């Protein structure tokens, strides 16, 4: 396992449904979870939103996903999307939490724009977490590459 520290940033709040302008008032993660479960990935223990972590790097690449679901029609009226997931762990205040890198493939999601060094994570609700906090992401370097240059 490799480790890298990252900063928690406020995201678009579409995944959680907290953004008043979201087209998915329940939150996209709440709506997607049943589809992912049918495809073999149970995310029921994860919070219904993503943690947006800014990596101290240029970008990241998924080398080998644990799950890749192609062309998922999780909501009517929108394009089918492809999602990759990579198992990882988050460490906060000396506690480790099982987590997933959540990667909606940008080529299938025209409205999903993220900085190349921002990684989205699904995990259980972590108490006392606040924007600006530093977390440690533990990951398998055979599955996820952090590009520092």
N, C-alpha and C. Protein backbone atom coordinates (compact mmCIF):
# COMPACT_ATOMS: atom_id res chain seq x y z
N UNK A 1 0.84 -1.19 0.00
CA UNK A 1 0.00 0.00 0.00
C UNK A 1 0.88 1.25 0.00
N UNK A 2 0.46 2.21 -0.78
CA UNK A 2 1.07 3.53 -0.81
C UNK A 2 0.17 4.48 -0.03
N UNK A 3 0.71 5.60 0.38
CA UNK A 3 -0.08 6.59 1.12
C UNK A 3 0.24 7.98 0.61
N UNK A 4 -0.77 8.84 0.63
CA UNK A 4 -0.59 10.23 0.24
C UNK A 4 -1.57 11.07 1.06
N UNK A 5 -1.11 12.21 1.51
CA UNK A 5 -2.00 13.11 2.23
C UNK A 5 -2.74 13.98 1.23
N UNK A 6 -3.99 14.29 1.53
CA UNK A 6 -4.84 15.08 0.65
C UNK A 6 -5.72 15.99 1.51
N UNK A 7 -6.19 17.07 0.90
CA UNK A 7 -7.02 18.05 1.59
C UNK A 7 -8.47 17.89 1.17
N UNK A 8 -9.37 17.88 2.15
CA UNK A 8 -10.81 17.78 1.86
C UNK A 8 -11.33 19.14 1.39
N UNK A 9 -11.93 19.13 0.20
CA UNK A 9 -12.50 20.34 -0.39
C UNK A 9 -14.02 20.21 -0.50
N UNK A 10 -14.68 21.34 -0.51
CA UNK A 10 -16.12 21.36 -0.78
C UNK A 10 -16.32 21.11 -2.27
N UNK A 11 -17.15 20.15 -2.60
CA UNK A 11 -17.41 19.83 -4.00
C UNK A 11 -18.64 20.56 -4.52
N UNK A 12 -19.18 20.07 -5.61
CA UNK A 12 -20.36 20.66 -6.24
C UNK A 12 -21.64 20.34 -5.46
N UNK A 13 -21.58 19.39 -4.56
CA UNK A 13 -22.68 18.94 -3.71
C UNK A 13 -23.85 18.38 -4.50
N UNK A 14 -23.54 17.84 -5.67
CA UNK A 14 -24.54 17.15 -6.48
C UNK A 14 -24.68 15.71 -6.01
N UNK A 15 -23.55 15.09 -5.64
CA UNK A 15 -23.58 13.70 -5.19
C UNK A 15 -24.45 13.54 -3.94
N UNK A 16 -24.38 14.51 -3.05
CA UNK A 16 -25.16 14.43 -1.80
C UNK A 16 -26.56 15.02 -1.94
N UNK A 17 -26.79 15.81 -2.98
CA UNK A 17 -28.08 16.47 -3.16
C UNK A 17 -28.20 17.78 -2.40
N UNK A 18 -27.11 18.24 -1.78
CA UNK A 18 -27.15 19.47 -0.98
C UNK A 18 -27.16 20.73 -1.84
N UNK A 19 -26.77 20.64 -3.10
CA UNK A 19 -26.78 21.79 -3.99
C UNK A 19 -28.23 22.07 -4.41
N UNK A 20 -28.74 23.29 -4.16
CA UNK A 20 -30.15 23.56 -4.52
C UNK A 20 -30.41 23.53 -6.03
N UNK A 21 -29.36 23.61 -6.84
CA UNK A 21 -29.53 23.59 -8.30
C UNK A 21 -29.30 22.21 -8.90
N UNK A 22 -29.17 21.19 -8.09
CA UNK A 22 -28.90 19.85 -8.62
C UNK A 22 -30.11 19.31 -9.37
N UNK A 23 -29.87 18.60 -10.46
CA UNK A 23 -30.99 17.92 -11.13
C UNK A 23 -31.43 16.65 -10.40
N UNK A 24 -30.70 16.28 -9.35
CA UNK A 24 -31.01 15.07 -8.58
C UNK A 24 -31.20 15.45 -7.11
N UNK A 25 -32.38 15.94 -6.72
CA UNK A 25 -32.59 16.41 -5.35
C UNK A 25 -32.28 15.37 -4.27
N UNK A 26 -32.44 14.08 -4.58
CA UNK A 26 -32.09 13.04 -3.60
C UNK A 26 -30.59 12.84 -3.52
N UNK A 27 -29.86 13.38 -4.48
CA UNK A 27 -28.42 13.17 -4.57
C UNK A 27 -28.12 12.05 -5.54
N UNK A 28 -27.09 12.23 -6.35
CA UNK A 28 -26.77 11.22 -7.37
C UNK A 28 -26.33 9.89 -6.74
N UNK A 29 -25.63 9.94 -5.62
CA UNK A 29 -25.16 8.69 -5.01
C UNK A 29 -26.33 7.86 -4.51
N UNK A 30 -27.30 8.49 -3.87
CA UNK A 30 -28.50 7.77 -3.42
C UNK A 30 -29.20 7.09 -4.59
N UNK A 31 -29.27 7.77 -5.71
CA UNK A 31 -29.93 7.21 -6.89
C UNK A 31 -29.11 6.11 -7.56
N UNK A 32 -27.79 6.22 -7.49
CA UNK A 32 -26.91 5.25 -8.16
C UNK A 32 -26.71 3.96 -7.37
N UNK A 33 -26.74 4.04 -6.05
CA UNK A 33 -26.42 2.88 -5.21
C UNK A 33 -27.20 1.60 -5.58
N UNK A 34 -28.51 1.66 -5.82
CA UNK A 34 -29.22 0.43 -6.17
C UNK A 34 -28.72 -0.20 -7.47
N UNK A 35 -28.30 0.62 -8.42
CA UNK A 35 -27.79 0.09 -9.69
C UNK A 35 -26.45 -0.59 -9.47
N UNK A 36 -25.59 0.03 -8.67
CA UNK A 36 -24.28 -0.56 -8.39
C UNK A 36 -24.45 -1.87 -7.61
N UNK A 37 -25.42 -1.90 -6.69
CA UNK A 37 -25.66 -3.13 -5.91
C UNK A 37 -26.09 -4.27 -6.82
N UNK A 38 -27.00 -3.98 -7.76
CA UNK A 38 -27.43 -5.02 -8.71
C UNK A 38 -26.27 -5.55 -9.55
N UNK A 39 -25.27 -4.68 -9.77
CA UNK A 39 -24.11 -5.07 -10.57
C UNK A 39 -23.00 -5.71 -9.73
N UNK A 40 -23.21 -5.78 -8.40
CA UNK A 40 -22.26 -6.51 -7.56
C UNK A 40 -21.49 -5.69 -6.53
N UNK A 41 -21.73 -4.39 -6.43
CA UNK A 41 -21.02 -3.55 -5.46
C UNK A 41 -22.01 -2.93 -4.49
N UNK A 42 -21.97 -3.39 -3.25
CA UNK A 42 -22.88 -2.90 -2.21
C UNK A 42 -22.21 -1.73 -1.49
N UNK A 43 -22.75 -0.54 -1.67
CA UNK A 43 -22.22 0.67 -1.07
C UNK A 43 -23.13 1.17 0.06
N UNK A 44 -23.95 0.29 0.61
CA UNK A 44 -24.93 0.71 1.61
C UNK A 44 -24.29 1.29 2.87
N UNK A 45 -23.07 0.94 3.17
CA UNK A 45 -22.40 1.49 4.36
C UNK A 45 -21.77 2.84 4.10
N UNK A 46 -21.76 3.27 2.86
CA UNK A 46 -21.15 4.55 2.51
C UNK A 46 -22.15 5.70 2.65
N UNK A 47 -21.66 6.83 3.05
CA UNK A 47 -22.43 8.07 3.10
C UNK A 47 -22.94 8.40 1.70
N UNK A 48 -24.10 9.01 1.62
CA UNK A 48 -24.70 9.35 0.32
C UNK A 48 -24.14 10.67 -0.21
N UNK A 49 -22.87 10.68 -0.45
CA UNK A 49 -22.15 11.83 -1.00
C UNK A 49 -20.70 11.45 -1.13
N UNK A 50 -19.93 12.27 -1.83
CA UNK A 50 -18.52 11.97 -2.01
C UNK A 50 -17.66 12.91 -1.18
N UNK A 51 -16.48 12.43 -0.84
CA UNK A 51 -15.45 13.27 -0.24
C UNK A 51 -14.53 13.68 -1.39
N UNK A 52 -14.36 14.96 -1.56
CA UNK A 52 -13.53 15.48 -2.64
C UNK A 52 -12.17 15.83 -2.08
N UNK A 53 -11.16 15.06 -2.48
CA UNK A 53 -9.82 15.24 -1.95
C UNK A 53 -8.90 15.83 -3.00
N UNK A 54 -8.22 16.91 -2.63
CA UNK A 54 -7.22 17.52 -3.52
C UNK A 54 -5.88 16.86 -3.23
N UNK A 55 -5.37 16.19 -4.24
CA UNK A 55 -4.08 15.51 -4.12
C UNK A 55 -2.95 16.51 -4.36
N UNK A 56 -1.83 16.36 -3.66
CA UNK A 56 -0.67 17.20 -3.93
C UNK A 56 0.10 16.64 -5.13
N UNK A 57 -0.58 16.58 -6.26
CA UNK A 57 -0.05 15.96 -7.47
C UNK A 57 -0.71 16.62 -8.67
N UNK A 58 -0.22 16.29 -9.84
CA UNK A 58 -0.78 16.83 -11.08
C UNK A 58 -2.10 16.15 -11.41
N UNK A 59 -2.14 14.81 -11.25
CA UNK A 59 -3.33 14.05 -11.62
C UNK A 59 -3.20 12.64 -11.06
N UNK A 60 -4.18 11.81 -11.39
CA UNK A 60 -4.12 10.39 -11.02
C UNK A 60 -4.70 9.58 -12.17
N UNK A 61 -4.35 8.31 -12.20
CA UNK A 61 -4.88 7.37 -13.20
C UNK A 61 -5.31 6.10 -12.50
N UNK A 62 -6.43 5.57 -12.93
CA UNK A 62 -6.84 4.25 -12.48
C UNK A 62 -6.20 3.24 -13.42
N UNK A 63 -5.36 2.38 -12.86
CA UNK A 63 -4.66 1.37 -13.64
C UNK A 63 -5.47 0.08 -13.73
N UNK A 64 -6.13 -0.26 -12.63
CA UNK A 64 -6.93 -1.49 -12.58
C UNK A 64 -8.03 -1.28 -11.55
N UNK A 65 -9.25 -1.17 -12.02
CA UNK A 65 -10.37 -0.95 -11.09
C UNK A 65 -10.81 -2.28 -10.48
N UNK A 66 -11.37 -2.19 -9.29
CA UNK A 66 -11.98 -3.37 -8.67
C UNK A 66 -13.34 -3.64 -9.31
N UNK A 67 -14.01 -2.57 -9.70
CA UNK A 67 -15.29 -2.67 -10.40
C UNK A 67 -15.31 -1.61 -11.49
N UNK A 68 -15.80 -1.98 -12.65
CA UNK A 68 -16.05 -1.01 -13.73
C UNK A 68 -17.41 -1.37 -14.32
N UNK A 69 -18.33 -0.43 -14.22
CA UNK A 69 -19.68 -0.63 -14.73
C UNK A 69 -19.87 0.29 -15.91
N UNK A 70 -20.07 -0.30 -17.07
CA UNK A 70 -20.17 0.48 -18.31
C UNK A 70 -21.62 0.77 -18.67
N UNK A 71 -21.82 1.98 -19.16
CA UNK A 71 -23.11 2.42 -19.71
C UNK A 71 -24.28 2.15 -18.76
N UNK A 72 -24.16 2.64 -17.55
CA UNK A 72 -25.22 2.48 -16.55
C UNK A 72 -26.27 3.57 -16.77
N UNK A 73 -27.50 3.16 -16.98
CA UNK A 73 -28.62 4.10 -17.11
C UNK A 73 -29.27 4.23 -15.75
N UNK A 74 -28.70 5.08 -14.91
CA UNK A 74 -29.17 5.19 -13.52
C UNK A 74 -30.26 6.24 -13.35
N UNK A 75 -30.48 7.06 -14.38
CA UNK A 75 -31.56 8.04 -14.32
C UNK A 75 -32.05 8.32 -15.74
N UNK A 76 -33.36 8.38 -15.88
CA UNK A 76 -33.94 8.62 -17.20
C UNK A 76 -33.70 10.08 -17.63
N UNK A 77 -33.54 10.27 -18.92
CA UNK A 77 -33.36 11.61 -19.47
C UNK A 77 -31.91 12.07 -19.52
N UNK A 78 -30.99 11.24 -19.06
CA UNK A 78 -29.57 11.55 -19.09
C UNK A 78 -28.83 10.42 -19.79
N UNK A 79 -27.63 10.72 -20.26
CA UNK A 79 -26.81 9.70 -20.93
C UNK A 79 -26.43 8.57 -19.98
N UNK A 80 -26.18 7.42 -20.57
CA UNK A 80 -25.61 6.30 -19.81
C UNK A 80 -24.19 6.68 -19.42
N UNK A 81 -23.77 6.21 -18.25
CA UNK A 81 -22.45 6.57 -17.74
C UNK A 81 -21.64 5.33 -17.37
N UNK A 82 -20.34 5.49 -17.41
CA UNK A 82 -19.42 4.44 -16.99
C UNK A 82 -18.76 4.88 -15.69
N UNK A 83 -18.66 3.94 -14.74
CA UNK A 83 -18.10 4.22 -13.42
C UNK A 83 -17.03 3.19 -13.09
N UNK A 84 -15.93 3.66 -12.52
CA UNK A 84 -14.91 2.76 -11.99
C UNK A 84 -14.79 2.99 -10.49
N UNK A 85 -14.46 1.91 -9.78
CA UNK A 85 -14.28 1.94 -8.33
C UNK A 85 -12.99 1.22 -7.99
N UNK A 86 -12.22 1.81 -7.08
CA UNK A 86 -10.99 1.19 -6.60
C UNK A 86 -11.04 1.19 -5.07
N UNK A 87 -10.87 0.03 -4.47
CA UNK A 87 -10.84 -0.07 -3.01
C UNK A 87 -9.64 0.69 -2.47
N UNK A 88 -9.85 1.38 -1.36
CA UNK A 88 -8.78 2.14 -0.71
C UNK A 88 -9.14 2.27 0.77
N UNK A 89 -8.33 3.02 1.48
CA UNK A 89 -8.63 3.33 2.88
C UNK A 89 -8.37 4.80 3.10
N UNK A 90 -9.17 5.40 3.97
CA UNK A 90 -8.95 6.78 4.39
C UNK A 90 -8.55 6.77 5.85
N UNK A 91 -7.56 7.57 6.18
CA UNK A 91 -7.15 7.72 7.57
C UNK A 91 -7.41 9.15 8.00
N UNK A 92 -8.09 9.29 9.13
CA UNK A 92 -8.37 10.60 9.70
C UNK A 92 -8.27 10.49 11.21
N UNK A 93 -7.46 11.35 11.79
CA UNK A 93 -7.24 11.36 13.24
C UNK A 93 -6.92 9.96 13.78
N UNK A 94 -5.98 9.31 13.13
CA UNK A 94 -5.44 7.99 13.47
C UNK A 94 -6.43 6.83 13.29
N UNK A 95 -7.61 7.08 12.76
CA UNK A 95 -8.57 6.01 12.48
C UNK A 95 -8.62 5.75 10.98
N UNK A 96 -8.68 4.47 10.61
CA UNK A 96 -8.77 4.09 9.20
C UNK A 96 -10.18 3.63 8.87
N UNK A 97 -10.61 4.00 7.68
CA UNK A 97 -11.96 3.68 7.22
C UNK A 97 -11.87 3.04 5.84
N UNK A 98 -12.56 1.92 5.61
CA UNK A 98 -12.61 1.38 4.26
C UNK A 98 -13.33 2.36 3.35
N UNK A 99 -12.86 2.45 2.11
CA UNK A 99 -13.42 3.44 1.20
C UNK A 99 -13.25 2.97 -0.24
N UNK A 100 -13.82 3.76 -1.15
CA UNK A 100 -13.74 3.49 -2.58
C UNK A 100 -13.40 4.78 -3.32
N UNK A 101 -12.46 4.70 -4.24
CA UNK A 101 -12.32 5.77 -5.23
C UNK A 101 -13.53 5.64 -6.14
N UNK A 102 -14.23 6.73 -6.33
CA UNK A 102 -15.44 6.78 -7.17
C UNK A 102 -15.07 7.61 -8.39
N UNK A 103 -15.13 6.98 -9.55
CA UNK A 103 -14.68 7.66 -10.76
C UNK A 103 -15.72 7.55 -11.87
N UNK A 104 -16.59 8.56 -11.99
CA UNK A 104 -17.48 8.60 -13.16
C UNK A 104 -16.62 9.01 -14.35
N UNK A 105 -16.55 8.18 -15.35
CA UNK A 105 -15.68 8.46 -16.51
C UNK A 105 -16.13 9.75 -17.19
N UNK A 106 -15.23 10.73 -17.29
CA UNK A 106 -15.62 12.03 -17.84
C UNK A 106 -16.11 11.97 -19.29
N UNK A 107 -15.64 11.00 -20.06
CA UNK A 107 -16.08 10.90 -21.45
C UNK A 107 -17.55 10.49 -21.57
N UNK A 108 -18.13 9.97 -20.47
CA UNK A 108 -19.54 9.58 -20.50
C UNK A 108 -20.41 10.52 -19.68
N UNK A 109 -19.81 11.51 -19.06
CA UNK A 109 -20.57 12.45 -18.23
C UNK A 109 -20.19 13.86 -18.66
N UNK A 110 -20.96 14.42 -19.53
CA UNK A 110 -20.63 15.72 -20.09
C UNK A 110 -20.73 16.85 -19.08
N UNK A 111 -21.51 16.67 -18.00
CA UNK A 111 -21.68 17.75 -17.02
C UNK A 111 -20.81 17.57 -15.79
N UNK A 112 -19.84 16.67 -15.84
CA UNK A 112 -19.03 16.36 -14.66
C UNK A 112 -17.60 16.86 -14.89
N UNK A 113 -17.29 18.02 -14.38
CA UNK A 113 -15.97 18.59 -14.56
C UNK A 113 -15.25 18.62 -13.22
N UNK A 114 -14.11 17.99 -13.16
CA UNK A 114 -13.30 17.98 -11.95
C UNK A 114 -11.87 18.37 -12.33
N UNK A 115 -11.17 18.96 -11.39
CA UNK A 115 -9.75 19.22 -11.57
C UNK A 115 -9.05 17.86 -11.66
N UNK A 116 -7.99 17.76 -12.45
CA UNK A 116 -7.32 16.46 -12.61
C UNK A 116 -6.66 15.94 -11.33
N UNK A 117 -6.45 16.81 -10.35
CA UNK A 117 -5.85 16.36 -9.09
C UNK A 117 -6.89 16.22 -7.96
N UNK A 118 -8.17 16.21 -8.33
CA UNK A 118 -9.24 16.02 -7.36
C UNK A 118 -9.78 14.60 -7.50
N UNK A 119 -9.77 13.87 -6.41
CA UNK A 119 -10.23 12.48 -6.43
C UNK A 119 -11.46 12.38 -5.53
N UNK A 120 -12.49 11.69 -6.01
CA UNK A 120 -13.72 11.52 -5.24
C UNK A 120 -13.70 10.18 -4.52
N UNK A 121 -14.09 10.22 -3.25
CA UNK A 121 -14.05 9.03 -2.41
C UNK A 121 -15.43 8.78 -1.80
N UNK A 122 -15.83 7.52 -1.77
CA UNK A 122 -17.03 7.09 -1.05
C UNK A 122 -16.58 6.36 0.20
N UNK A 123 -17.14 6.74 1.33
CA UNK A 123 -16.80 6.12 2.62
C UNK A 123 -17.98 6.32 3.56
N UNK A 124 -17.91 5.66 4.70
CA UNK A 124 -18.93 5.90 5.72
C UNK A 124 -18.83 7.33 6.21
N UNK A 125 -19.84 7.80 6.90
CA UNK A 125 -19.78 9.13 7.48
C UNK A 125 -18.67 9.16 8.52
N UNK A 126 -17.80 10.15 8.41
CA UNK A 126 -16.67 10.28 9.33
C UNK A 126 -16.93 11.49 10.22
N UNK A 127 -17.04 11.24 11.51
CA UNK A 127 -17.33 12.31 12.48
C UNK A 127 -16.20 13.32 12.55
N UNK A 128 -16.58 14.57 12.81
CA UNK A 128 -15.66 15.69 13.03
C UNK A 128 -14.84 16.08 11.81
N UNK A 129 -15.23 15.64 10.64
CA UNK A 129 -14.53 15.97 9.41
C UNK A 129 -15.01 17.32 8.90
N UNK A 130 -14.09 18.18 8.48
CA UNK A 130 -14.45 19.52 8.00
C UNK A 130 -13.61 19.87 6.78
N UNK A 131 -14.18 20.74 5.94
CA UNK A 131 -13.44 21.20 4.76
C UNK A 131 -12.11 21.80 5.20
N UNK A 132 -11.05 21.46 4.46
CA UNK A 132 -9.72 21.93 4.80
C UNK A 132 -8.92 20.93 5.62
N UNK A 133 -9.59 19.89 6.14
CA UNK A 133 -8.88 18.87 6.91
C UNK A 133 -7.97 18.05 6.00
N UNK A 134 -6.91 17.54 6.58
CA UNK A 134 -5.99 16.64 5.88
C UNK A 134 -6.36 15.20 6.21
N UNK A 135 -6.47 14.39 5.18
CA UNK A 135 -6.70 12.95 5.33
C UNK A 135 -5.57 12.23 4.62
N UNK A 136 -5.33 11.00 5.02
CA UNK A 136 -4.35 10.17 4.32
C UNK A 136 -5.10 9.13 3.52
N UNK A 137 -4.80 9.07 2.24
CA UNK A 137 -5.38 8.08 1.34
C UNK A 137 -4.37 6.95 1.20
N UNK A 138 -4.79 5.74 1.56
CA UNK A 138 -3.97 4.54 1.41
C UNK A 138 -4.52 3.77 0.21
N UNK A 139 -3.64 3.43 -0.73
CA UNK A 139 -4.10 2.82 -1.98
C UNK A 139 -3.07 1.82 -2.49
N UNK A 140 -3.53 0.97 -3.36
CA UNK A 140 -2.69 -0.03 -4.01
C UNK A 140 -2.10 0.59 -5.27
N UNK A 141 -0.78 0.71 -5.31
CA UNK A 141 -0.11 1.35 -6.46
C UNK A 141 -0.25 0.54 -7.74
N UNK A 142 -0.66 -0.71 -7.65
CA UNK A 142 -0.93 -1.50 -8.86
C UNK A 142 -2.29 -1.15 -9.46
N UNK A 143 -3.12 -0.46 -8.68
CA UNK A 143 -4.47 -0.10 -9.15
C UNK A 143 -4.63 1.39 -9.41
N UNK A 144 -3.88 2.21 -8.67
CA UNK A 144 -4.03 3.66 -8.76
C UNK A 144 -2.64 4.29 -8.84
N UNK A 145 -2.45 5.18 -9.82
CA UNK A 145 -1.17 5.87 -9.96
C UNK A 145 -1.39 7.35 -9.70
N UNK A 146 -0.56 7.91 -8.83
CA UNK A 146 -0.56 9.33 -8.57
C UNK A 146 0.56 9.95 -9.41
N UNK A 147 0.19 10.90 -10.25
CA UNK A 147 1.15 11.53 -11.18
C UNK A 147 1.65 12.84 -10.58
N UNK A 148 2.88 12.81 -10.10
CA UNK A 148 3.43 14.01 -9.48
C UNK A 148 4.02 14.98 -10.50
N UNK A 149 4.34 14.53 -11.67
CA UNK A 149 4.91 15.40 -12.72
C UNK A 149 4.08 15.39 -13.96
